[in-house]
Amino acid sequence: MGISAAVLEALVFSTPDTVKLLPALPERWASGRIGRVGCRNGASVTLAWDQAQRTLDVELATTVEGAFSLMLPEGYAIADLHDGLVDRGDGIYNVEGKPGSLWRFVAKDAVRESSRS
């Protein structure tokens, strides 16, 4: 695996049935953005993260029909759930993809948000 592939897999890792966001984010990358990462299941992801704010802005698009799991970083949850995304708990969501589907959402640190209430 080349360095580019290793960096990409630290930000978005995919299999035919799973997309993991920021599975191995280095601590030094406190904030950043990556655009239109093609996944192995026909989805694409654009994301921006801010570790200080504990937020993750996500755009998820699908080009084929099929279900897969979307896994957020530990402790994160989607703030406003959309049609086609089902919360399984622990930052894991079922996605019902259809050609041309597009979701934009913000994921936040669920523990931090609940302590503010």
PDB file of N, CA and C in Angstrom:
ATOM      1  N   MET A   1       0.859  -1.176   0.000  1.00  0.00           N
ATOM      2  CA  MET A   1       0.000   0.000   0.000  1.00  0.00           C
ATOM      3  C   MET A   1       0.900   1.232   0.000  1.00  0.00           C
ATOM      4  N   GLY A   2       0.616   2.166  -0.870  1.00  0.00           N
ATOM      5  CA  GLY A   2       1.375   3.403  -0.925  1.00  0.00           C
ATOM      6  C   GLY A   2       0.936   4.376   0.151  1.00  0.00           C
ATOM      7  N   ILE A   3       1.688   5.443   0.334  1.00  0.00           N
ATOM      8  CA  ILE A   3       1.380   6.427   1.372  1.00  0.00           C
ATOM      9  C   ILE A   3       0.034   7.096   1.124  1.00  0.00           C
ATOM     10  N   SER A   4      -0.294   7.373  -0.133  1.00  0.00           N
ATOM     11  CA  SER A   4      -1.587   8.008  -0.433  1.00  0.00           C
ATOM     12  C   SER A   4      -2.745   7.118  -0.007  1.00  0.00           C
ATOM     13  N   ALA A   5      -2.655   5.832  -0.304  1.00  0.00           N
ATOM     14  CA  ALA A   5      -3.712   4.893   0.083  1.00  0.00           C
ATOM     15  C   ALA A   5      -3.808   4.775   1.598  1.00  0.00           C
ATOM     16  N   ALA A   6      -2.670   4.778   2.284  1.00  0.00           N
ATOM     17  CA  ALA A   6      -2.674   4.683   3.745  1.00  0.00           C
ATOM     18  C   ALA A   6      -3.341   5.905   4.370  1.00  0.00           C
ATOM     19  N   VAL A   7      -3.033   7.086   3.861  1.00  0.00           N
ATOM     20  CA  VAL A   7      -3.653   8.315   4.371  1.00  0.00           C
ATOM     21  C   VAL A   7      -5.154   8.283   4.119  1.00  0.00           C
ATOM     22  N   LEU A   8      -5.540   7.893   2.931  1.00  0.00           N
ATOM     23  CA  LEU A   8      -6.958   7.830   2.588  1.00  0.00           C
ATOM     24  C   LEU A   8      -7.707   6.868   3.501  1.00  0.00           C
ATOM     25  N   GLU A   9      -7.133   5.699   3.765  1.00  0.00           N
ATOM     26  CA  GLU A   9      -7.801   4.729   4.628  1.00  0.00           C
ATOM     27  C   GLU A   9      -7.838   5.171   6.083  1.00  0.00           C
ATOM     28  N   ALA A  10      -6.966   6.084   6.500  1.00  0.00           N
ATOM     29  CA  ALA A  10      -7.056   6.651   7.848  1.00  0.00           C
ATOM     30  C   ALA A  10      -8.250   7.592   7.962  1.00  0.00           C
ATOM     31  N   LEU A  11      -8.696   8.132   6.827  1.00  0.00           N
ATOM     32  CA  LEU A  11      -9.812   9.085   6.814  1.00  0.00           C
ATOM     33  C   LEU A  11     -11.144   8.426   6.474  1.00  0.00           C
ATOM     34  N   VAL A  12     -11.157   7.567   5.468  1.00  0.00           N
ATOM     35  CA  VAL A  12     -12.373   6.851   5.056  1.00  0.00           C
ATOM     36  C   VAL A  12     -11.959   5.436   4.678  1.00  0.00           C
ATOM     37  N   PHE A  13     -12.508   4.467   5.387  1.00  0.00           N
ATOM     38  CA  PHE A  13     -12.241   3.063   5.080  1.00  0.00           C
ATOM     39  C   PHE A  13     -13.547   2.427   4.645  1.00  0.00           C
ATOM     40  N   SER A  14     -13.513   1.664   3.555  1.00  0.00           N
ATOM     41  CA  SER A  14     -14.757   1.046   3.095  1.00  0.00           C
ATOM     42  C   SER A  14     -14.551  -0.396   2.669  1.00  0.00           C
ATOM     43  N   THR A  15     -15.629  -1.155   2.816  1.00  0.00           N
ATOM     44  CA  THR A  15     -15.755  -2.502   2.279  1.00  0.00           C
ATOM     45  C   THR A  15     -17.063  -2.483   1.499  1.00  0.00           C
ATOM     46  N   PRO A  16     -17.433  -3.548   0.821  1.00  0.00           N
ATOM     47  CA  PRO A  16     -18.715  -3.520   0.108  1.00  0.00           C
ATOM     48  C   PRO A  16     -19.932  -3.271   0.999  1.00  0.00           C
ATOM     49  N   ASP A  17     -19.837  -3.576   2.301  1.00  0.00           N
ATOM     50  CA  ASP A  17     -21.004  -3.384   3.163  1.00  0.00           C
ATOM     51  C   ASP A  17     -20.806  -2.395   4.312  1.00  0.00           C
ATOM     52  N   THR A  18     -19.671  -1.691   4.354  1.00  0.00           N
ATOM     53  CA  THR A  18     -19.396  -0.767   5.459  1.00  0.00           C
ATOM     54  C   THR A  18     -18.573   0.429   4.983  1.00  0.00           C
ATOM     55  N   VAL A  19     -18.904   1.606   5.524  1.00  0.00           N
ATOM     56  CA  VAL A  19     -18.086   2.805   5.345  1.00  0.00           C
ATOM     57  C   VAL A  19     -17.767   3.330   6.742  1.00  0.00           C
ATOM     58  N   LYS A  20     -16.478   3.434   7.077  1.00  0.00           N
ATOM     59  CA  LYS A  20     -16.037   3.954   8.375  1.00  0.00           C
ATOM     60  C   LYS A  20     -15.416   5.326   8.158  1.00  0.00           C
ATOM     61  N   LEU A  21     -15.893   6.313   8.913  1.00  0.00           N
ATOM     62  CA  LEU A  21     -15.360   7.671   8.818  1.00  0.00           C
ATOM     63  C   LEU A  21     -14.324   7.903   9.911  1.00  0.00           C
ATOM     64  N   LEU A  22     -13.176   8.400   9.529  1.00  0.00           N
ATOM     65  CA  LEU A  22     -12.055   8.725  10.412  1.00  0.00           C
ATOM     66  C   LEU A  22     -11.684   7.564  11.338  1.00  0.00           C
ATOM     67  N   PRO A  23     -11.460   6.369  10.783  1.00  0.00           N
ATOM     68  CA  PRO A  23     -11.150   5.229  11.642  1.00  0.00           C
ATOM     69  C   PRO A  23      -9.773   5.294  12.302  1.00  0.00           C
ATOM     70  N   ALA A  24      -8.849   6.058  11.741  1.00  0.00           N
ATOM     71  CA  ALA A  24      -7.485   6.107  12.279  1.00  0.00           C
ATOM     72  C   ALA A  24      -6.909   7.515  12.144  1.00  0.00           C
ATOM     73  N   LEU A  25      -7.691   8.501  12.546  1.00  0.00           N
ATOM     74  CA  LEU A  25      -7.269   9.897  12.413  1.00  0.00           C
ATOM     75  C   LEU A  25      -6.105  10.203  13.355  1.00  0.00           C
ATOM     76  N   PRO A  26      -4.966  10.632  12.810  1.00  0.00           N
ATOM     77  CA  PRO A  26      -3.853  11.013  13.682  1.00  0.00           C
ATOM     78  C   PRO A  26      -4.215  12.229  14.542  1.00  0.00           C
ATOM     79  N   GLU A  27      -3.760  12.241  15.778  1.00  0.00           N
ATOM     80  CA  GLU A  27      -4.048  13.352  16.698  1.00  0.00           C
ATOM     81  C   GLU A  27      -3.620  14.697  16.128  1.00  0.00           C
ATOM     82  N   ARG A  28      -2.535  14.706  15.383  1.00  0.00           N
ATOM     83  CA  ARG A  28      -2.005  15.967  14.843  1.00  0.00           C
ATOM     84  C   ARG A  28      -2.929  16.592  13.814  1.00  0.00           C
ATOM     85  N   TRP A  29      -3.842  15.824  13.240  1.00  0.00           N
ATOM     86  CA  TRP A  29      -4.776  16.350  12.245  1.00  0.00           C
ATOM     87  C   TRP A  29      -6.043  16.800  12.959  1.00  0.00           C
ATOM     88  N   ALA A  30      -5.937  17.866  13.729  1.00  0.00           N
ATOM     89  CA  ALA A  30      -7.047  18.336  14.566  1.00  0.00           C
ATOM     90  C   ALA A  30      -8.251  18.789  13.753  1.00  0.00           C
ATOM     91  N   SER A  31      -8.011  19.260  12.556  1.00  0.00           N
ATOM     92  CA  SER A  31      -9.120  19.644  11.678  1.00  0.00           C
ATOM     93  C   SER A  31      -8.678  19.418  10.238  1.00  0.00           C
ATOM     94  N   GLY A  32      -9.662  19.278   9.382  1.00  0.00           N
ATOM     95  CA  GLY A  32      -9.328  19.069   7.984  1.00  0.00           C
ATOM     96  C   GLY A  32     -10.557  18.792   7.149  1.00  0.00           C
ATOM     97  N   ARG A  33     -10.301  18.537   5.883  1.00  0.00           N
ATOM     98  CA  ARG A  33     -11.387  18.286   4.931  1.00  0.00           C
ATOM     99  C   ARG A  33     -10.852  17.382   3.825  1.00  0.00           C
ATOM    100  N   ILE A  34     -11.711  16.490   3.369  1.00  0.00           N
ATOM    101  CA  ILE A  34     -11.376  15.651   2.222  1.00  0.00           C
ATOM    102  C   ILE A  34     -12.634  15.535   1.372  1.00  0.00           C
ATOM    103  N   GLY A  35     -12.446  15.613   0.064  1.00  0.00           N
ATOM    104  CA  GLY A  35     -13.604  15.637  -0.825  1.00  0.00           C
ATOM    105  C   GLY A  35     -13.740  14.413  -1.700  1.00  0.00           C
ATOM    106  N   ARG A  36     -14.955  13.989  -1.892  1.00  0.00           N
ATOM    107  CA  ARG A  36     -15.383  12.958  -2.841  1.00  0.00           C
ATOM    108  C   ARG A  36     -14.502  11.718  -2.849  1.00  0.00           C
ATOM    109  N   VAL A  37     -14.461  11.056  -1.739  1.00  0.00           N
ATOM    110  CA  VAL A  37     -13.753   9.789  -1.647  1.00  0.00           C
ATOM    111  C   VAL A  37     -14.691   8.694  -2.143  1.00  0.00           C
ATOM    112  N   GLY A  38     -14.279   7.975  -3.172  1.00  0.00           N
ATOM    113  CA  GLY A  38     -15.081   6.870  -3.683  1.00  0.00           C
ATOM    114  C   GLY A  38     -14.924   5.648  -2.796  1.00  0.00           C
ATOM    115  N   CYS A  39     -16.043   5.040  -2.441  1.00  0.00           N
ATOM    116  CA  CYS A  39     -16.038   3.869  -1.564  1.00  0.00           C
ATOM    117  C   CYS A  39     -16.294   2.602  -2.369  1.00  0.00           C
ATOM    118  N   ARG A  40     -15.976   1.472  -1.779  1.00  0.00           N
ATOM    119  CA  ARG A  40     -16.078   0.186  -2.475  1.00  0.00           C
ATOM    120  C   ARG A  40     -17.513  -0.262  -2.731  1.00  0.00           C
ATOM    121  N   ASN A  41     -18.486   0.435  -2.182  1.00  0.00           N
ATOM    122  CA  ASN A  41     -19.885   0.036  -2.337  1.00  0.00           C
ATOM    123  C   ASN A  41     -20.668   0.977  -3.252  1.00  0.00           C
ATOM    124  N   GLY A  42     -19.982   1.833  -3.984  1.00  0.00           N
ATOM    125  CA  GLY A  42     -20.664   2.764  -4.882  1.00  0.00           C
ATOM    126  C   GLY A  42     -21.051   4.072  -4.229  1.00  0.00           C
ATOM    127  N   ALA A  43     -20.704   4.253  -2.970  1.00  0.00           N
ATOM    128  CA  ALA A  43     -20.970   5.525  -2.286  1.00  0.00           C
ATOM    129  C   ALA A  43     -19.756   6.433  -2.447  1.00  0.00           C
ATOM    130  N   SER A  44     -19.963   7.724  -2.199  1.00  0.00           N
ATOM    131  CA  SER A  44     -18.841   8.659  -2.114  1.00  0.00           C
ATOM    132  C   SER A  44     -19.070   9.546  -0.902  1.00  0.00           C
ATOM    133  N   VAL A  45     -17.972   9.968  -0.296  1.00  0.00           N
ATOM    134  CA  VAL A  45     -18.028  10.738   0.947  1.00  0.00           C
ATOM    135  C   VAL A  45     -17.171  11.987   0.813  1.00  0.00           C
ATOM    136  N   THR A  46     -17.726  13.104   1.234  1.00  0.00           N
ATOM    137  CA  THR A  46     -16.979  14.339   1.435  1.00  0.00           C
ATOM    138  C   THR A  46     -17.120  14.653   2.912  1.00  0.00           C
ATOM    139  N   LEU A  47     -16.032  14.968   3.586  1.00  0.00           N
ATOM    140  CA  LEU A  47     -16.172  15.268   5.008  1.00  0.00           C
ATOM    141  C   LEU A  47     -15.176  16.309   5.466  1.00  0.00           C
ATOM    142  N   ALA A  48     -15.583  16.999   6.522  1.00  0.00           N
ATOM    143  CA  ALA A  48     -14.729  17.972   7.204  1.00  0.00           C
ATOM    144  C   ALA A  48     -14.855  17.690   8.692  1.00  0.00           C
ATOM    145  N   TRP A  49     -13.742  17.777   9.407  1.00  0.00           N
ATOM    146  CA  TRP A  49     -13.780  17.492  10.833  1.00  0.00           C
ATOM    147  C   TRP A  49     -13.068  18.582  11.606  1.00  0.00           C
ATOM    148  N   ASP A  50     -13.482  18.726  12.861  1.00  0.00           N
ATOM    149  CA  ASP A  50     -12.866  19.681  13.782  1.00  0.00           C
ATOM    150  C   ASP A  50     -12.852  19.019  15.154  1.00  0.00           C
ATOM    151  N   GLN A  51     -11.692  18.551  15.572  1.00  0.00           N
ATOM    152  CA  GLN A  51     -11.573  17.851  16.846  1.00  0.00           C
ATOM    153  C   GLN A  51     -11.824  18.775  18.036  1.00  0.00           C
ATOM    154  N   ALA A  52     -11.459  20.047  17.925  1.00  0.00           N
ATOM    155  CA  ALA A  52     -11.693  20.985  19.029  1.00  0.00           C
ATOM    156  C   ALA A  52     -13.190  21.182  19.262  1.00  0.00           C
ATOM    157  N   GLN A  53     -13.955  21.296  18.184  1.00  0.00           N
ATOM    158  CA  GLN A  53     -15.410  21.459  18.283  1.00  0.00           C
ATOM    159  C   GLN A  53     -16.130  20.116  18.382  1.00  0.00           C
ATOM    160  N   ARG A  54     -15.402  19.033  18.109  1.00  0.00           N
ATOM    161  CA  ARG A  54     -15.957  17.670  18.107  1.00  0.00           C
ATOM    162  C   ARG A  54     -17.131  17.557  17.139  1.00  0.00           C
ATOM    163  N   THR A  55     -16.917  18.060  15.910  1.00  0.00           N
ATOM    164  CA  THR A  55     -17.942  17.980  14.873  1.00  0.00           C
ATOM    165  C   THR A  55     -17.371  17.335  13.615  1.00  0.00           C
ATOM    166  N   LEU A  56     -18.278  16.768  12.856  1.00  0.00           N
ATOM    167  CA  LEU A  56     -17.948  16.117  11.603  1.00  0.00           C
ATOM    168  C   LEU A  56     -19.053  16.465  10.617  1.00  0.00           C
ATOM    169  N   ASP A  57     -18.711  17.222   9.572  1.00  0.00           N
ATOM    170  CA  ASP A  57     -19.670  17.577   8.522  1.00  0.00           C
ATOM    171  C   ASP A  57     -19.513  16.563   7.397  1.00  0.00           C
ATOM    172  N   VAL A  58     -20.629  15.944   7.015  1.00  0.00           N
ATOM    173  CA  VAL A  58     -20.576  14.831   6.069  1.00  0.00           C
ATOM    174  C   VAL A  58     -21.536  15.049   4.906  1.00  0.00           C
ATOM    175  N   GLU A  59     -21.066  14.724   3.714  1.00  0.00           N
ATOM    176  CA  GLU A  59     -21.929  14.598   2.545  1.00  0.00           C
ATOM    177  C   GLU A  59     -21.715  13.182   2.031  1.00  0.00           C
ATOM    178  N   LEU A  60     -22.799  12.426   1.980  1.00  0.00           N
ATOM    179  CA  LEU A  60     -22.758  11.031   1.566  1.00  0.00           C
ATOM    180  C   LEU A  60     -23.651  10.867   0.347  1.00  0.00           C
ATOM    181  N   ALA A  61     -23.101  10.347  -0.732  1.00  0.00           N
ATOM    182  CA  ALA A  61     -23.864  10.136  -1.967  1.00  0.00           C
ATOM    183  C   ALA A  61     -23.763   8.669  -2.365  1.00  0.00           C
ATOM    184  N   THR A  62     -24.852   8.151  -2.943  1.00  0.00           N
ATOM    185  CA  THR A  62     -24.831   6.779  -3.439  1.00  0.00           C
ATOM    186  C   THR A  62     -25.185   6.767  -4.923  1.00  0.00           C
ATOM    187  N   THR A  63     -24.541   5.875  -5.643  1.00  0.00           N
ATOM    188  CA  THR A  63     -24.775   5.770  -7.084  1.00  0.00           C
ATOM    189  C   THR A  63     -25.461   4.468  -7.462  1.00  0.00           C
ATOM    190  N   VAL A  64     -25.549   3.543  -6.518  1.00  0.00           N
ATOM    191  CA  VAL A  64     -26.177   2.246  -6.777  1.00  0.00           C
ATOM    192  C   VAL A  64     -27.161   1.925  -5.657  1.00  0.00           C
ATOM    193  N   GLU A  65     -28.048   0.994  -5.928  1.00  0.00           N
ATOM    194  CA  GLU A  65     -28.997   0.561  -4.908  1.00  0.00           C
ATOM    195  C   GLU A  65     -28.336  -0.483  -4.027  1.00  0.00           C
ATOM    196  N   GLY A  66     -28.560  -0.363  -2.726  1.00  0.00           N
ATOM    197  CA  GLY A  66     -28.020  -1.340  -1.789  1.00  0.00           C
ATOM    198  C   GLY A  66     -27.879  -0.756  -0.406  1.00  0.00           C
ATOM    199  N   ALA A  67     -27.886  -1.642   0.564  1.00  0.00           N
ATOM    200  CA  ALA A  67     -27.760  -1.229   1.963  1.00  0.00           C
ATOM    201  C   ALA A  67     -26.322  -1.423   2.429  1.00  0.00           C
ATOM    202  N   PHE A  68     -25.895  -0.543   3.331  1.00  0.00           N
ATOM    203  CA  PHE A  68     -24.590  -0.684   3.960  1.00  0.00           C
ATOM    204  C   PHE A  68     -24.607   0.013   5.311  1.00  0.00           C
ATOM    205  N   SER A  69     -23.591  -0.246   6.109  1.00  0.00           N
ATOM    206  CA  SER A  69     -23.456   0.380   7.422  1.00  0.00           C
ATOM    207  C   SER A  69     -22.510   1.565   7.331  1.00  0.00           C
ATOM    208  N   LEU A  70     -22.892   2.660   7.964  1.00  0.00           N
ATOM    209  CA  LEU A  70     -22.047   3.843   8.092  1.00  0.00           C
ATOM    210  C   LEU A  70     -21.600   3.908   9.543  1.00  0.00           C
ATOM    211  N   MET A  71     -20.296   3.934   9.767  1.00  0.00           N
ATOM    212  CA  MET A  71     -19.754   3.960  11.128  1.00  0.00           C
ATOM    213  C   MET A  71     -19.044   5.286  11.368  1.00  0.00           C
ATOM    214  N   LEU A  72     -19.502   5.996  12.403  1.00  0.00           N
ATOM    215  CA  LEU A  72     -18.899   7.273  12.786  1.00  0.00           C
ATOM    216  C   LEU A  72     -17.794   7.026  13.803  1.00  0.00           C
ATOM    217  N   PRO A  73     -16.944   8.033  14.038  1.00  0.00           N
ATOM    218  CA  PRO A  73     -15.940   7.885  15.088  1.00  0.00           C
ATOM    219  C   PRO A  73     -16.613   7.626  16.436  1.00  0.00           C
ATOM    220  N   GLU A  74     -15.909   6.963  17.317  1.00  0.00           N
ATOM    221  CA  GLU A  74     -16.455   6.616  18.633  1.00  0.00           C
ATOM    222  C   GLU A  74     -16.995   7.851  19.349  1.00  0.00           C
ATOM    223  N   GLY A  75     -18.211   7.732  19.869  1.00  0.00           N
ATOM    224  CA  GLY A  75     -18.836   8.810  20.626  1.00  0.00           C
ATOM    225  C   GLY A  75     -19.651   9.784  19.796  1.00  0.00           C
ATOM    226  N   TYR A  76     -19.582   9.698  18.473  1.00  0.00           N
ATOM    227  CA  TYR A  76     -20.306  10.632  17.610  1.00  0.00           C
ATOM    228  C   TYR A  76     -21.691  10.099  17.258  1.00  0.00           C
ATOM    229  N   ALA A  77     -22.615  11.023  17.012  1.00  0.00           N
ATOM    230  CA  ALA A  77     -23.967  10.683  16.567  1.00  0.00           C
ATOM    231  C   ALA A  77     -24.431  11.747  15.584  1.00  0.00           C
ATOM    232  N   ILE A  78     -25.312  11.363  14.664  1.00  0.00           N
ATOM    233  CA  ILE A  78     -25.873  12.312  13.703  1.00  0.00           C
ATOM    234  C   ILE A  78     -26.888  13.181  14.426  1.00  0.00           C
ATOM    235  N   ALA A  79     -26.751  14.497  14.283  1.00  0.00           N
ATOM    236  CA  ALA A  79     -27.611  15.440  14.996  1.00  0.00           C
ATOM    237  C   ALA A  79     -29.060  15.360  14.519  1.00  0.00           C
ATOM    238  N   ASP A  80     -29.309  15.378  13.226  1.00  0.00           N
ATOM    239  CA  ASP A  80     -30.659  15.321  12.653  1.00  0.00           C
ATOM    240  C   ASP A  80     -30.713  14.179  11.655  1.00  0.00           C
ATOM    241  N   LEU A  81     -31.387  13.107  12.042  1.00  0.00           N
ATOM    242  CA  LEU A  81     -31.462  11.921  11.195  1.00  0.00           C
ATOM    243  C   LEU A  81     -32.344  12.164   9.979  1.00  0.00           C
ATOM    244  N   HIS A  82     -31.928  11.673   8.821  1.00  0.00           N
ATOM    245  CA  HIS A  82     -32.651  11.840   7.559  1.00  0.00           C
ATOM    246  C   HIS A  82     -33.266  10.518   7.120  1.00  0.00           C
ATOM    247  N   ASP A  83     -34.260  10.594   6.223  1.00  0.00           N
ATOM    248  CA  ASP A  83     -34.820   9.383   5.622  1.00  0.00           C
ATOM    249  C   ASP A  83     -33.705   8.598   4.950  1.00  0.00           C
ATOM    250  N   GLY A  84     -33.764   7.297   5.075  1.00  0.00           N
ATOM    251  CA  GLY A  84     -32.750   6.445   4.465  1.00  0.00           C
ATOM    252  C   GLY A  84     -31.588   6.139   5.383  1.00  0.00           C
ATOM    253  N   LEU A  85     -31.547   6.780   6.566  1.00  0.00           N
ATOM    254  CA  LEU A  85     -30.522   6.505   7.574  1.00  0.00           C
ATOM    255  C   LEU A  85     -31.226   6.016   8.838  1.00  0.00           C
ATOM    256  N   VAL A  86     -30.841   4.837   9.321  1.00  0.00           N
ATOM    257  CA  VAL A  86     -31.461   4.269  10.516  1.00  0.00           C
ATOM    258  C   VAL A  86     -30.387   4.096  11.578  1.00  0.00           C
ATOM    259  N   ASP A  87     -30.618   4.669  12.756  1.00  0.00           N
ATOM    260  CA  ASP A  87     -29.664   4.613  13.864  1.00  0.00           C
ATOM    261  C   ASP A  87     -29.690   3.227  14.509  1.00  0.00           C
ATOM    262  N   ARG A  88     -28.556   2.532  14.488  1.00  0.00           N
ATOM    263  CA  ARG A  88     -28.431   1.236  15.161  1.00  0.00           C
ATOM    264  C   ARG A  88     -27.790   1.385  16.531  1.00  0.00           C
ATOM    265  N   GLY A  89     -27.394   2.596  16.893  1.00  0.00           N
ATOM    266  CA  GLY A  89     -26.731   2.828  18.170  1.00  0.00           C
ATOM    267  C   GLY A  89     -25.223   2.772  18.037  1.00  0.00           C
ATOM    268  N   ASP A  90     -24.542   3.369  19.010  1.00  0.00           N
ATOM    269  CA  ASP A  90     -23.079   3.381  19.061  1.00  0.00           C
ATOM    270  C   ASP A  90     -22.430   3.954  17.808  1.00  0.00           C
ATOM    271  N   GLY A  91     -23.081   4.949  17.181  1.00  0.00           N
ATOM    272  CA  GLY A  91     -22.493   5.613  16.019  1.00  0.00           C
ATOM    273  C   GLY A  91     -22.538   4.810  14.739  1.00  0.00           C
ATOM    274  N   ILE A  92     -23.392   3.791  14.697  1.00  0.00           N
ATOM    275  CA  ILE A  92     -23.536   2.964  13.498  1.00  0.00           C
ATOM    276  C   ILE A  92     -24.927   3.193  12.917  1.00  0.00           C
ATOM    277  N   TYR A  93     -24.977   3.408  11.607  1.00  0.00           N
ATOM    278  CA  TYR A  93     -26.239   3.704  10.923  1.00  0.00           C
ATOM    279  C   TYR A  93     -26.400   2.781   9.726  1.00  0.00           C
ATOM    280  N   ASN A  94     -27.618   2.298   9.518  1.00  0.00           N
ATOM    281  CA  ASN A  94     -27.946   1.584   8.287  1.00  0.00           C
ATOM    282  C   ASN A  94     -28.272   2.622   7.231  1.00  0.00           C
ATOM    283  N   VAL A  95     -27.722   2.456   6.056  1.00  0.00           N
ATOM    284  CA  VAL A  95     -27.986   3.359   4.934  1.00  0.00           C
ATOM    285  C   VAL A  95     -28.670   2.553   3.833  1.00  0.00           C
ATOM    286  N   GLU A  96     -29.804   3.046   3.377  1.00  0.00           N
ATOM    287  CA  GLU A  96     -30.516   2.432   2.250  1.00  0.00           C
ATOM    288  C   GLU A  96     -30.210   3.274   1.013  1.00  0.00           C
ATOM    289  N   GLY A  97     -29.194   2.871   0.282  1.00  0.00           N
ATOM    290  CA  GLY A  97     -28.756   3.643  -0.875  1.00  0.00           C
ATOM    291  C   GLY A  97     -29.581   3.373  -2.114  1.00  0.00           C
ATOM    292  N   LYS A  98     -29.801   4.418  -2.859  1.00  0.00           N
ATOM    293  CA  LYS A  98     -30.456   4.341  -4.161  1.00  0.00           C
ATOM    294  C   LYS A  98     -29.645   5.223  -5.113  1.00  0.00           C
ATOM    295  N   PRO A  99     -29.655   4.936  -6.400  1.00  0.00           N
ATOM    296  CA  PRO A  99     -28.912   5.787  -7.331  1.00  0.00           C
ATOM    297  C   PRO A  99     -29.336   7.254  -7.190  1.00  0.00           C
ATOM    298  N   GLY A 100     -28.380   8.118  -7.002  1.00  0.00           N
ATOM    299  CA  GLY A 100     -28.657   9.551  -6.891  1.00  0.00           C
ATOM    300  C   GLY A 100     -29.022  10.035  -5.502  1.00  0.00           C
ATOM    301  N   SER A 101     -29.012   9.153  -4.493  1.00  0.00           N
ATOM    302  CA  SER A 101     -29.316   9.598  -3.124  1.00  0.00           C
ATOM    303  C   SER A 101     -28.180  10.460  -2.590  1.00  0.00           C
ATOM    304  N   LEU A 102     -28.543  11.481  -1.829  1.00  0.00           N
ATOM    305  CA  LEU A 102     -27.555  12.393  -1.251  1.00  0.00           C
ATOM    306  C   LEU A 102     -28.014  12.805   0.136  1.00  0.00           C
ATOM    307  N   TRP A 103     -27.134  12.668   1.112  1.00  0.00           N
ATOM    308  CA  TRP A 103     -27.410  13.105   2.478  1.00  0.00           C
ATOM    309  C   TRP A 103     -26.323  14.082   2.897  1.00  0.00           C
ATOM    310  N   ARG A 104     -26.727  15.144   3.558  1.00  0.00           N
ATOM    311  CA  ARG A 104     -25.787  16.082   4.193  1.00  0.00           C
ATOM    312  C   ARG A 104     -26.189  16.162   5.657  1.00  0.00           C
ATOM    313  N   PHE A 105     -25.215  15.962   6.534  1.00  0.00           N
ATOM    314  CA  PHE A 105     -25.539  16.004   7.956  1.00  0.00           C
ATOM    315  C   PHE A 105     -24.304  16.361   8.768  1.00  0.00           C
ATOM    316  N   VAL A 106     -24.555  16.732  10.015  1.00  0.00           N
ATOM    317  CA  VAL A 106     -23.497  17.027  10.975  1.00  0.00           C
ATOM    318  C   VAL A 106     -23.554  15.959  12.055  1.00  0.00           C
ATOM    319  N   ALA A 107     -22.418  15.381  12.353  1.00  0.00           N
ATOM    320  CA  ALA A 107     -22.305  14.446  13.465  1.00  0.00           C
ATOM    321  C   ALA A 107     -21.529  15.163  14.565  1.00  0.00           C
ATOM    322  N   LYS A 108     -21.998  14.965  15.786  1.00  0.00           N
ATOM    323  CA  LYS A 108     -21.359  15.620  16.928  1.00  0.00           C
ATOM    324  C   LYS A 108     -21.024  14.585  17.985  1.00  0.00           C
ATOM    325  N   ASP A 109     -20.136  14.974  18.877  1.00  0.00           N
ATOM    326  CA  ASP A 109     -19.779  14.134  20.007  1.00  0.00           C
ATOM    327  C   ASP A 109     -21.009  14.017  20.899  1.00  0.00           C
ATOM    328  N   ALA A 110     -21.618  12.848  20.946  1.00  0.00           N
ATOM    329  CA  ALA A 110     -22.866  12.645  21.685  1.00  0.00           C
ATOM    330  C   ALA A 110     -22.683  12.859  23.182  1.00  0.00           C
ATOM    331  N   VAL A 111     -21.557  12.472  23.739  1.00  0.00           N
ATOM    332  CA  VAL A 111     -21.314  12.644  25.173  1.00  0.00           C
ATOM    333  C   VAL A 111     -21.211  14.119  25.515  1.00  0.00           C
ATOM    334  N   ARG A 112     -20.461  14.856  24.705  1.00  0.00           N
ATOM    335  CA  ARG A 112     -20.300  16.296  24.946  1.00  0.00           C
ATOM    336  C   ARG A 112     -21.640  17.016  24.824  1.00  0.00           C
ATOM    337  N   GLU A 113     -22.438  16.658  23.815  1.00  0.00           N
ATOM    338  CA  GLU A 113     -23.735  17.305  23.607  1.00  0.00           C
ATOM    339  C   GLU A 113     -24.693  17.007  24.752  1.00  0.00           C
ATOM    340  N   SER A 114     -24.712  15.771  25.259  1.00  0.00           N
ATOM    341  CA  SER A 114     -25.638  15.430  26.339  1.00  0.00           C
ATOM    342  C   SER A 114     -25.245  16.111  27.644  1.00  0.00           C
ATOM    343  N   SER A 115     -23.963  16.404  27.844  1.00  0.00           N
ATOM    344  CA  SER A 115     -23.539  17.086  29.069  1.00  0.00           C
ATOM    345  C   SER A 115     -23.900  18.568  29.051  1.00  0.00           C
ATOM    346  N   ARG A 116     -24.182  19.111  27.863  1.00  0.00           N
ATOM    347  CA  ARG A 116     -24.587  20.515  27.756  1.00  0.00           C
ATOM    348  C   ARG A 116     -26.057  20.702  28.095  1.00  0.00           C
ATOM    349  N   SER A 117     -26.838  19.631  28.012  1.00  0.00           N
ATOM    350  CA  SER A 117     -28.292  19.732  28.242  1.00  0.00           C
ATOM    351  C   SER A 117     -28.621  19.902  29.705  1.00  0.00           C
TER     352      SER A 117
END
